Amino acid sequence: MKCPVDGAALLITDRSGVEIDYCPQCRGVWLDRGELDKIIDRAADLAGGGRQRSTAPYPREGDHRSDRDRDHHGRSGRRRKEGFLGDLFDF
């Protein structure tokens, strides 16, 4: 099968039981019929039916981190752990 974007031959890989066609040139990803449903079902199973709210109380005025510990977007320097979807589409 050829990439609809640039015409390169698509490569096929199996990730967690999901067959993914991807283009090594443009890095586009294409899924066969039913594959997206498999991804959604697996992600829902791993999430445990929904997000849980944090039980931690709101920080008091003196409990916040200093501004130098955050980047210019207000996020801390720590990266989130990649989840199922990050592993699935990591080529």
PDB file of N, CA and C in Angstrom:
ATOM      1  N   MET A   1       0.843  -1.169   0.000  1.00  0.00           N
ATOM      2  CA  MET A   1       0.000   0.000   0.000  1.00  0.00           C
ATOM      3  C   MET A   1       0.897   1.244   0.000  1.00  0.00           C
ATOM      4  N   LYS A   2       0.449   2.302  -0.630  1.00  0.00           N
ATOM      5  CA  LYS A   2       1.249   3.525  -0.729  1.00  0.00           C
ATOM      6  C   LYS A   2       0.661   4.626   0.148  1.00  0.00           C
ATOM      7  N   CYS A   3       1.538   5.480   0.637  1.00  0.00           N
ATOM      8  CA  CYS A   3       1.142   6.615   1.465  1.00  0.00           C
ATOM      9  C   CYS A   3       0.324   7.591   0.622  1.00  0.00           C
ATOM     10  N   PRO A   4      -0.843   8.000   1.092  1.00  0.00           N
ATOM     11  CA  PRO A   4      -1.640   8.954   0.327  1.00  0.00           C
ATOM     12  C   PRO A   4      -1.045  10.359   0.312  1.00  0.00           C
ATOM     13  N   VAL A   5      -0.091  10.636   1.185  1.00  0.00           N
ATOM     14  CA  VAL A   5       0.513  11.967   1.252  1.00  0.00           C
ATOM     15  C   VAL A   5       1.671  12.099   0.271  1.00  0.00           C
ATOM     16  N   ASP A   6       2.635  11.145   0.344  1.00  0.00           N
ATOM     17  CA  ASP A   6       3.839  11.293  -0.479  1.00  0.00           C
ATOM     18  C   ASP A   6       4.124  10.113  -1.404  1.00  0.00           C
ATOM     19  N   GLY A   7       3.280   9.086  -1.401  1.00  0.00           N
ATOM     20  CA  GLY A   7       3.439   7.965  -2.314  1.00  0.00           C
ATOM     21  C   GLY A   7       4.459   6.924  -1.903  1.00  0.00           C
ATOM     22  N   ALA A   8       5.098   7.078  -0.747  1.00  0.00           N
ATOM     23  CA  ALA A   8       6.078   6.095  -0.275  1.00  0.00           C
ATOM     24  C   ALA A   8       5.353   4.817   0.154  1.00  0.00           C
ATOM     25  N   ALA A   9       6.069   3.706   0.111  1.00  0.00           N
ATOM     26  CA  ALA A   9       5.490   2.438   0.545  1.00  0.00           C
ATOM     27  C   ALA A   9       5.285   2.465   2.059  1.00  0.00           C
ATOM     28  N   LEU A  10       4.077   2.087   2.489  1.00  0.00           N
ATOM     29  CA  LEU A  10       3.778   2.060   3.919  1.00  0.00           C
ATOM     30  C   LEU A  10       4.382   0.818   4.554  1.00  0.00           C
ATOM     31  N   LEU A  11       4.830   0.956   5.781  1.00  0.00           N
ATOM     32  CA  LEU A  11       5.323  -0.160   6.571  1.00  0.00           C
ATOM     33  C   LEU A  11       4.228  -0.556   7.546  1.00  0.00           C
ATOM     34  N   ILE A  12       4.203  -1.828   7.915  1.00  0.00           N
ATOM     35  CA  ILE A  12       3.191  -2.336   8.829  1.00  0.00           C
ATOM     36  C   ILE A  12       3.884  -2.822  10.087  1.00  0.00           C
ATOM     37  N   THR A  13       3.332  -2.438  11.232  1.00  0.00           N
ATOM     38  CA  THR A  13       3.859  -2.907  12.506  1.00  0.00           C
ATOM     39  C   THR A  13       2.699  -3.320  13.395  1.00  0.00           C
ATOM     40  N   ASP A  14       2.956  -4.240  14.299  1.00  0.00           N
ATOM     41  CA  ASP A  14       1.948  -4.676  15.248  1.00  0.00           C
ATOM     42  C   ASP A  14       2.358  -4.174  16.621  1.00  0.00           C
ATOM     43  N   ARG A  15       1.526  -3.344  17.214  1.00  0.00           N
ATOM     44  CA  ARG A  15       1.795  -2.794  18.543  1.00  0.00           C
ATOM     45  C   ARG A  15       0.641  -3.159  19.458  1.00  0.00           C
ATOM     46  N   SER A  16       0.917  -3.967  20.446  1.00  0.00           N
ATOM     47  CA  SER A  16      -0.092  -4.366  21.441  1.00  0.00           C
ATOM     48  C   SER A  16      -1.336  -4.947  20.783  1.00  0.00           C
ATOM     49  N   GLY A  17      -1.143  -5.719  19.721  1.00  0.00           N
ATOM     50  CA  GLY A  17      -2.265  -6.348  19.040  1.00  0.00           C
ATOM     51  C   GLY A  17      -3.003  -5.447  18.067  1.00  0.00           C
ATOM     52  N   VAL A  18      -2.482  -4.253  17.828  1.00  0.00           N
ATOM     53  CA  VAL A  18      -3.089  -3.313  16.892  1.00  0.00           C
ATOM     54  C   VAL A  18      -2.166  -3.192  15.685  1.00  0.00           C
ATOM     55  N   GLU A  19      -2.696  -3.465  14.489  1.00  0.00           N
ATOM     56  CA  GLU A  19      -1.899  -3.372  13.268  1.00  0.00           C
ATOM     57  C   GLU A  19      -1.920  -1.930  12.766  1.00  0.00           C
ATOM     58  N   ILE A  20      -0.746  -1.339  12.653  1.00  0.00           N
ATOM     59  CA  ILE A  20      -0.620   0.067  12.269  1.00  0.00           C
ATOM     60  C   ILE A  20       0.181   0.162  10.983  1.00  0.00           C
ATOM     61  N   ASP A  21      -0.355   0.879  10.000  1.00  0.00           N
ATOM     62  CA  ASP A  21       0.378   1.193   8.772  1.00  0.00           C
ATOM     63  C   ASP A  21       0.953   2.587   8.951  1.00  0.00           C
ATOM     64  N   TYR A  22       2.258   2.739   8.687  1.00  0.00           N
ATOM     65  CA  TYR A  22       2.858   4.064   8.836  1.00  0.00           C
ATOM     66  C   TYR A  22       3.839   4.345   7.715  1.00  0.00           C
ATOM     67  N   CYS A  23       4.023   5.623   7.440  1.00  0.00           N
ATOM     68  CA  CYS A  23       4.924   6.061   6.385  1.00  0.00           C
ATOM     69  C   CYS A  23       6.261   6.453   7.009  1.00  0.00           C
ATOM     70  N   PRO A  24       7.358   5.847   6.556  1.00  0.00           N
ATOM     71  CA  PRO A  24       8.660   6.210   7.113  1.00  0.00           C
ATOM     72  C   PRO A  24       9.133   7.593   6.663  1.00  0.00           C
ATOM     73  N   GLN A  25       8.537   8.131   5.605  1.00  0.00           N
ATOM     74  CA  GLN A  25       8.944   9.447   5.096  1.00  0.00           C
ATOM     75  C   GLN A  25       8.253  10.578   5.853  1.00  0.00           C
ATOM     76  N   CYS A  26       6.920  10.623   5.806  1.00  0.00           N
ATOM     77  CA  CYS A  26       6.177  11.733   6.430  1.00  0.00           C
ATOM     78  C   CYS A  26       5.737  11.399   7.852  1.00  0.00           C
ATOM     79  N   ARG A  27       5.926  10.149   8.277  1.00  0.00           N
ATOM     80  CA  ARG A  27       5.567   9.660   9.605  1.00  0.00           C
ATOM     81  C   ARG A  27       4.057   9.671   9.847  1.00  0.00           C
ATOM     82  N   GLY A  28       3.288   9.641   8.776  1.00  0.00           N
ATOM     83  CA  GLY A  28       1.838   9.536   8.887  1.00  0.00           C
ATOM     84  C   GLY A  28       1.445   8.145   9.349  1.00  0.00           C
ATOM     85  N   VAL A  29       0.320   8.051  10.046  1.00  0.00           N
ATOM     86  CA  VAL A  29      -0.153   6.783  10.593  1.00  0.00           C
ATOM     87  C   VAL A  29      -1.561   6.522  10.069  1.00  0.00           C
ATOM     88  N   TRP A  30      -1.791   5.308   9.594  1.00  0.00           N
ATOM     89  CA  TRP A  30      -3.103   4.909   9.097  1.00  0.00           C
ATOM     90  C   TRP A  30      -3.510   3.623   9.781  1.00  0.00           C
ATOM     91  N   LEU A  31      -4.791   3.539  10.117  1.00  0.00           N
ATOM     92  CA  LEU A  31      -5.332   2.373  10.802  1.00  0.00           C
ATOM     93  C   LEU A  31      -6.358   1.694   9.908  1.00  0.00           C
ATOM     94  N   ASP A  32      -6.387   0.365   9.953  1.00  0.00           N
ATOM     95  CA  ASP A  32      -7.400  -0.391   9.233  1.00  0.00           C
ATOM     96  C   ASP A  32      -8.719  -0.324  10.004  1.00  0.00           C
ATOM     97  N   ARG A  33      -9.786  -0.721   9.338  1.00  0.00           N
ATOM     98  CA  ARG A  33     -11.108  -0.703   9.965  1.00  0.00           C
ATOM     99  C   ARG A  33     -11.082  -1.514  11.265  1.00  0.00           C
ATOM    100  N   GLY A  34     -11.590  -0.953  12.323  1.00  0.00           N
ATOM    101  CA  GLY A  34     -11.663  -1.638  13.607  1.00  0.00           C
ATOM    102  C   GLY A  34     -10.464  -1.415  14.509  1.00  0.00           C
ATOM    103  N   GLU A  35      -9.349  -0.968  13.956  1.00  0.00           N
ATOM    104  CA  GLU A  35      -8.144  -0.774  14.768  1.00  0.00           C
ATOM    105  C   GLU A  35      -8.304   0.391  15.751  1.00  0.00           C
ATOM    106  N   LEU A  36      -8.964   1.463  15.328  1.00  0.00           N
ATOM    107  CA  LEU A  36      -9.192   2.588  16.234  1.00  0.00           C
ATOM    108  C   LEU A  36     -10.076   2.156  17.404  1.00  0.00           C
ATOM    109  N   ASP A  37     -11.062   1.309  17.135  1.00  0.00           N
ATOM    110  CA  ASP A  37     -11.913   0.801  18.206  1.00  0.00           C
ATOM    111  C   ASP A  37     -11.099  -0.005  19.216  1.00  0.00           C
ATOM    112  N   LYS A  38     -10.138  -0.800  18.734  1.00  0.00           N
ATOM    113  CA  LYS A  38      -9.268  -1.560  19.634  1.00  0.00           C
ATOM    114  C   LYS A  38      -8.457  -0.616  20.523  1.00  0.00           C
ATOM    115  N   ILE A  39      -7.930   0.455  19.932  1.00  0.00           N
ATOM    116  CA  ILE A  39      -7.132   1.417  20.697  1.00  0.00           C
ATOM    117  C   ILE A  39      -7.993   2.082  21.769  1.00  0.00           C
ATOM    118  N   ILE A  40      -9.191   2.501  21.405  1.00  0.00           N
ATOM    119  CA  ILE A  40     -10.086   3.162  22.355  1.00  0.00           C
ATOM    120  C   ILE A  40     -10.462   2.210  23.486  1.00  0.00           C
ATOM    121  N   ASP A  41     -10.769   0.956  23.157  1.00  0.00           N
ATOM    122  CA  ASP A  41     -11.129  -0.026  24.181  1.00  0.00           C
ATOM    123  C   ASP A  41      -9.973  -0.279  25.138  1.00  0.00           C
ATOM    124  N   ARG A  42      -8.767  -0.437  24.611  1.00  0.00           N
ATOM    125  CA  ARG A  42      -7.604  -0.688  25.468  1.00  0.00           C
ATOM    126  C   ARG A  42      -7.283   0.511  26.350  1.00  0.00           C
ATOM    127  N   ALA A  43      -7.378   1.707  25.788  1.00  0.00           N
ATOM    128  CA  ALA A  43      -7.107   2.913  26.574  1.00  0.00           C
ATOM    129  C   ALA A  43      -8.131   3.057  27.696  1.00  0.00           C
ATOM    130  N   ALA A  44      -9.392   2.744  27.418  1.00  0.00           N
ATOM    131  CA  ALA A  44     -10.433   2.823  28.449  1.00  0.00           C
ATOM    132  C   ALA A  44     -10.194   1.781  29.534  1.00  0.00           C
ATOM    133  N   ASP A  45      -9.772   0.579  29.146  1.00  0.00           N
ATOM    134  CA  ASP A  45      -9.480  -0.466  30.127  1.00  0.00           C
ATOM    135  C   ASP A  45      -8.330  -0.053  31.037  1.00  0.00           C
ATOM    136  N   LEU A  46      -7.293   0.521  30.462  1.00  0.00           N
ATOM    137  CA  LEU A  46      -6.137   0.938  31.254  1.00  0.00           C
ATOM    138  C   LEU A  46      -6.450   2.128  32.144  1.00  0.00           C
ATOM    139  N   ALA A  47      -7.367   2.978  31.715  1.00  0.00           N
ATOM    140  CA  ALA A  47      -7.733   4.151  32.513  1.00  0.00           C
ATOM    141  C   ALA A  47      -8.632   3.766  33.678  1.00  0.00           C
ATOM    142  N   GLY A  48      -9.189   2.587  33.664  1.00  0.00           N
ATOM    143  CA  GLY A  48     -10.022   2.148  34.765  1.00  0.00           C
ATOM    144  C   GLY A  48     -11.397   2.779  34.787  1.00  0.00           C
ATOM    145  N   GLY A  49     -11.899   3.153  33.630  1.00  0.00           N
ATOM    146  CA  GLY A  49     -13.247   3.678  33.565  1.00  0.00           C
ATOM    147  C   GLY A  49     -13.358   5.167  33.770  1.00  0.00           C
ATOM    148  N   GLY A  50     -12.283   5.869  33.880  1.00  0.00           N
ATOM    149  CA  GLY A  50     -12.372   7.319  34.023  1.00  0.00           C
ATOM    150  C   GLY A  50     -11.255   7.864  34.881  1.00  0.00           C
ATOM    151  N   ARG A  51     -11.126   9.155  34.857  1.00  0.00           N
ATOM    152  CA  ARG A  51     -10.082   9.808  35.643  1.00  0.00           C
ATOM    153  C   ARG A  51     -10.554   9.964  37.079  1.00  0.00           C
ATOM    154  N   GLN A  52      -9.634   9.779  37.992  1.00  0.00           N
ATOM    155  CA  GLN A  52      -9.941   9.999  39.393  1.00  0.00           C
ATOM    156  C   GLN A  52      -9.401  11.350  39.798  1.00  0.00           C
ATOM    157  N   ARG A  53     -10.155  12.032  40.625  1.00  0.00           N
ATOM    158  CA  ARG A  53      -9.705  13.329  41.101  1.00  0.00           C
ATOM    159  C   ARG A  53      -8.686  13.149  42.205  1.00  0.00           C
ATOM    160  N   SER A  54      -7.782  14.069  42.276  1.00  0.00           N
ATOM    161  CA  SER A  54      -6.779  14.054  43.324  1.00  0.00           C
ATOM    162  C   SER A  54      -7.438  14.348  44.660  1.00  0.00           C
ATOM    163  N   THR A  55      -7.006  13.649  45.694  1.00  0.00           N
ATOM    164  CA  THR A  55      -7.541  13.906  47.024  1.00  0.00           C
ATOM    165  C   THR A  55      -6.671  14.879  47.793  1.00  0.00           C
ATOM    166  N   ALA A  56      -5.605  15.349  47.176  1.00  0.00           N
ATOM    167  CA  ALA A  56      -4.720  16.300  47.852  1.00  0.00           C
ATOM    168  C   ALA A  56      -5.416  17.647  47.995  1.00  0.00           C
ATOM    169  N   PRO A  57      -5.246  18.296  49.148  1.00  0.00           N
ATOM    170  CA  PRO A  57      -5.873  19.607  49.327  1.00  0.00           C
ATOM    171  C   PRO A  57      -5.182  20.662  48.475  1.00  0.00           C
ATOM    172  N   TYR A  58      -5.871  21.777  48.285  1.00  0.00           N
ATOM    173  CA  TYR A  58      -5.254  22.889  47.572  1.00  0.00           C
ATOM    174  C   TYR A  58      -4.046  23.370  48.367  1.00  0.00           C
ATOM    175  N   PRO A  59      -2.977  23.796  47.698  1.00  0.00           N
ATOM    176  CA  PRO A  59      -1.791  24.252  48.429  1.00  0.00           C
ATOM    177  C   PRO A  59      -2.074  25.551  49.184  1.00  0.00           C
ATOM    178  N   ARG A  60      -1.475  25.657  50.353  1.00  0.00           N
ATOM    179  CA  ARG A  60      -1.586  26.903  51.111  1.00  0.00           C
ATOM    180  C   ARG A  60      -0.675  27.933  50.480  1.00  0.00           C
ATOM    181  N   GLU A  61      -0.791  29.168  50.882  1.00  0.00           N
ATOM    182  CA  GLU A  61      -0.075  30.262  50.240  1.00  0.00           C
ATOM    183  C   GLU A  61       1.437  30.057  50.214  1.00  0.00           C
ATOM    184  N   GLY A  62       2.029  29.531  51.233  1.00  0.00           N
ATOM    185  CA  GLY A  62       3.482  29.360  51.277  1.00  0.00           C
ATOM    186  C   GLY A  62       3.970  28.039  50.727  1.00  0.00           C
ATOM    187  N   ASP A  63       3.063  27.173  50.235  1.00  0.00           N
ATOM    188  CA  ASP A  63       3.438  25.822  49.811  1.00  0.00           C
ATOM    189  C   ASP A  63       3.794  25.691  48.341  1.00  0.00           C
ATOM    190  N   HIS A  64       3.667  26.742  47.555  1.00  0.00           N
ATOM    191  CA  HIS A  64       3.913  26.600  46.121  1.00  0.00           C
ATOM    192  C   HIS A  64       5.410  26.548  45.822  1.00  0.00           C
ATOM    193  N   ARG A  65       5.732  25.986  44.684  1.00  0.00           N
ATOM    194  CA  ARG A  65       7.128  25.902  44.254  1.00  0.00           C
ATOM    195  C   ARG A  65       7.582  27.259  43.761  1.00  0.00           C
ATOM    196  N   SER A  66       8.860  27.480  43.814  1.00  0.00           N
ATOM    197  CA  SER A  66       9.363  28.774  43.351  1.00  0.00           C
ATOM    198  C   SER A  66       9.251  28.870  41.832  1.00  0.00           C
ATOM    199  N   ASP A  67       9.215  30.083  41.323  1.00  0.00           N
ATOM    200  CA  ASP A  67       9.066  30.307  39.886  1.00  0.00           C
ATOM    201  C   ASP A  67      10.207  29.713  39.079  1.00  0.00           C
ATOM    202  N   ARG A  68      11.380  29.613  39.630  1.00  0.00           N
ATOM    203  CA  ARG A  68      12.509  29.086  38.852  1.00  0.00           C
ATOM    204  C   ARG A  68      12.389  27.581  38.625  1.00  0.00           C
ATOM    205  N   ASP A  69      11.511  26.902  39.366  1.00  0.00           N
ATOM    206  CA  ASP A  69      11.293  25.472  39.160  1.00  0.00           C
ATOM    207  C   ASP A  69      10.306  25.196  38.033  1.00  0.00           C
ATOM    208  N   ARG A  70       9.770  26.238  37.428  1.00  0.00           N
ATOM    209  CA  ARG A  70       8.777  26.070  36.378  1.00  0.00           C
ATOM    210  C   ARG A  70       9.288  26.685  35.084  1.00  0.00           C
ATOM    211  N   ASP A  71       8.838  26.135  33.959  1.00  0.00           N
ATOM    212  CA  ASP A  71       9.218  26.722  32.679  1.00  0.00           C
ATOM    213  C   ASP A  71       8.306  27.908  32.376  1.00  0.00           C
ATOM    214  N   HIS A  72       8.470  28.516  31.218  1.00  0.00           N
ATOM    215  CA  HIS A  72       7.703  29.713  30.900  1.00  0.00           C
ATOM    216  C   HIS A  72       6.222  29.441  30.656  1.00  0.00           C
ATOM    217  N   HIS A  73       5.820  28.166  30.602  1.00  0.00           N
ATOM    218  CA  HIS A  73       4.400  27.838  30.445  1.00  0.00           C
ATOM    219  C   HIS A  73       3.770  27.446  31.780  1.00  0.00           C
ATOM    220  N   GLY A  74       4.539  27.523  32.861  1.00  0.00           N
ATOM    221  CA  GLY A  74       3.997  27.210  34.172  1.00  0.00           C
ATOM    222  C   GLY A  74       4.054  25.740  34.537  1.00  0.00           C
ATOM    223  N   ARG A  75       4.723  24.925  33.732  1.00  0.00           N
ATOM    224  CA  ARG A  75       4.822  23.504  34.030  1.00  0.00           C
ATOM    225  C   ARG A  75       6.128  23.233  34.750  1.00  0.00           C
ATOM    226  N   SER A  76       6.130  22.203  35.578  1.00  0.00           N
ATOM    227  CA  SER A  76       7.375  21.814  36.224  1.00  0.00           C
ATOM    228  C   SER A  76       8.249  21.083  35.216  1.00  0.00           C
ATOM    229  N   GLY A  77       9.507  20.896  35.517  1.00  0.00           N
ATOM    230  CA  GLY A  77      10.453  20.293  34.595  1.00  0.00           C
ATOM    231  C   GLY A  77      10.291  18.797  34.423  1.00  0.00           C
ATOM    232  N   ARG A  78       9.445  18.172  35.197  1.00  0.00           N
ATOM    233  CA  ARG A  78       9.269  16.724  35.104  1.00  0.00           C
ATOM    234  C   ARG A  78       8.336  16.373  33.958  1.00  0.00           C
ATOM    235  N   ARG A  79       8.707  15.335  33.212  1.00  0.00           N
ATOM    236  CA  ARG A  79       7.841  14.856  32.133  1.00  0.00           C
ATOM    237  C   ARG A  79       6.906  13.804  32.684  1.00  0.00           C
ATOM    238  N   ARG A  80       5.710  13.775  32.112  1.00  0.00           N
ATOM    239  CA  ARG A  80       4.770  12.731  32.481  1.00  0.00           C
ATOM    240  C   ARG A  80       5.242  11.403  31.936  1.00  0.00           C
ATOM    241  N   LYS A  81       4.905  10.343  32.638  1.00  0.00           N
ATOM    242  CA  LYS A  81       5.208   9.010  32.144  1.00  0.00           C
ATOM    243  C   LYS A  81       4.371   8.759  30.895  1.00  0.00           C
ATOM    244  N   GLU A  82       5.017   8.264  29.847  1.00  0.00           N
ATOM    245  CA  GLU A  82       4.289   7.937  28.621  1.00  0.00           C
ATOM    246  C   GLU A  82       3.318   6.808  28.924  1.00  0.00           C
ATOM    247  N   GLY A  83       2.155   6.875  28.370  1.00  0.00           N
ATOM    248  CA  GLY A  83       1.146   5.856  28.588  1.00  0.00           C
ATOM    249  C   GLY A  83       1.054   4.904  27.413  1.00  0.00           C
ATOM    250  N   PHE A  84      -0.040   4.193  27.378  1.00  0.00           N
ATOM    251  CA  PHE A  84      -0.290   3.198  26.340  1.00  0.00           C
ATOM    252  C   PHE A  84      -0.221   3.815  24.949  1.00  0.00           C
ATOM    253  N   LEU A  85      -0.837   4.978  24.767  1.00  0.00           N
ATOM    254  CA  LEU A  85      -0.857   5.600  23.441  1.00  0.00           C
ATOM    255  C   LEU A  85       0.521   6.091  23.028  1.00  0.00           C
ATOM    256  N   GLY A  86       1.311   6.581  23.967  1.00  0.00           N
ATOM    257  CA  GLY A  86       2.666   7.018  23.641  1.00  0.00           C
ATOM    258  C   GLY A  86       3.522   5.860  23.160  1.00  0.00           C
ATOM    259  N   ASP A  87       3.372   4.714  23.807  1.00  0.00           N
ATOM    260  CA  ASP A  87       4.114   3.525  23.393  1.00  0.00           C
ATOM    261  C   ASP A  87       3.611   2.997  22.053  1.00  0.00           C
ATOM    262  N   LEU A  88       2.326   3.106  21.835  1.00  0.00           N
ATOM    263  CA  LEU A  88       1.712   2.569  20.624  1.00  0.00           C
ATOM    264  C   LEU A  88       2.196   3.288  19.372  1.00  0.00           C
ATOM    265  N   PHE A  89       2.320   4.606  19.443  1.00  0.00           N
ATOM    266  CA  PHE A  89       2.673   5.394  18.264  1.00  0.00           C
ATOM    267  C   PHE A  89       4.118   5.872  18.275  1.00  0.00           C
ATOM    268  N   ASP A  90       5.001   5.230  19.026  1.00  0.00           N
ATOM    269  CA  ASP A  90       6.405   5.612  19.076  1.00  0.00           C
ATOM    270  C   ASP A  90       7.171   4.851  17.996  1.00  0.00           C
ATOM    271  N   PHE A  91       7.467   5.514  16.881  1.00  0.00           N
ATOM    272  CA  PHE A  91       8.178   4.872  15.766  1.00  0.00           C
ATOM    273  C   PHE A  91       9.571   5.416  15.669  1.00  0.00           C
TER     274      PHE A  91
END
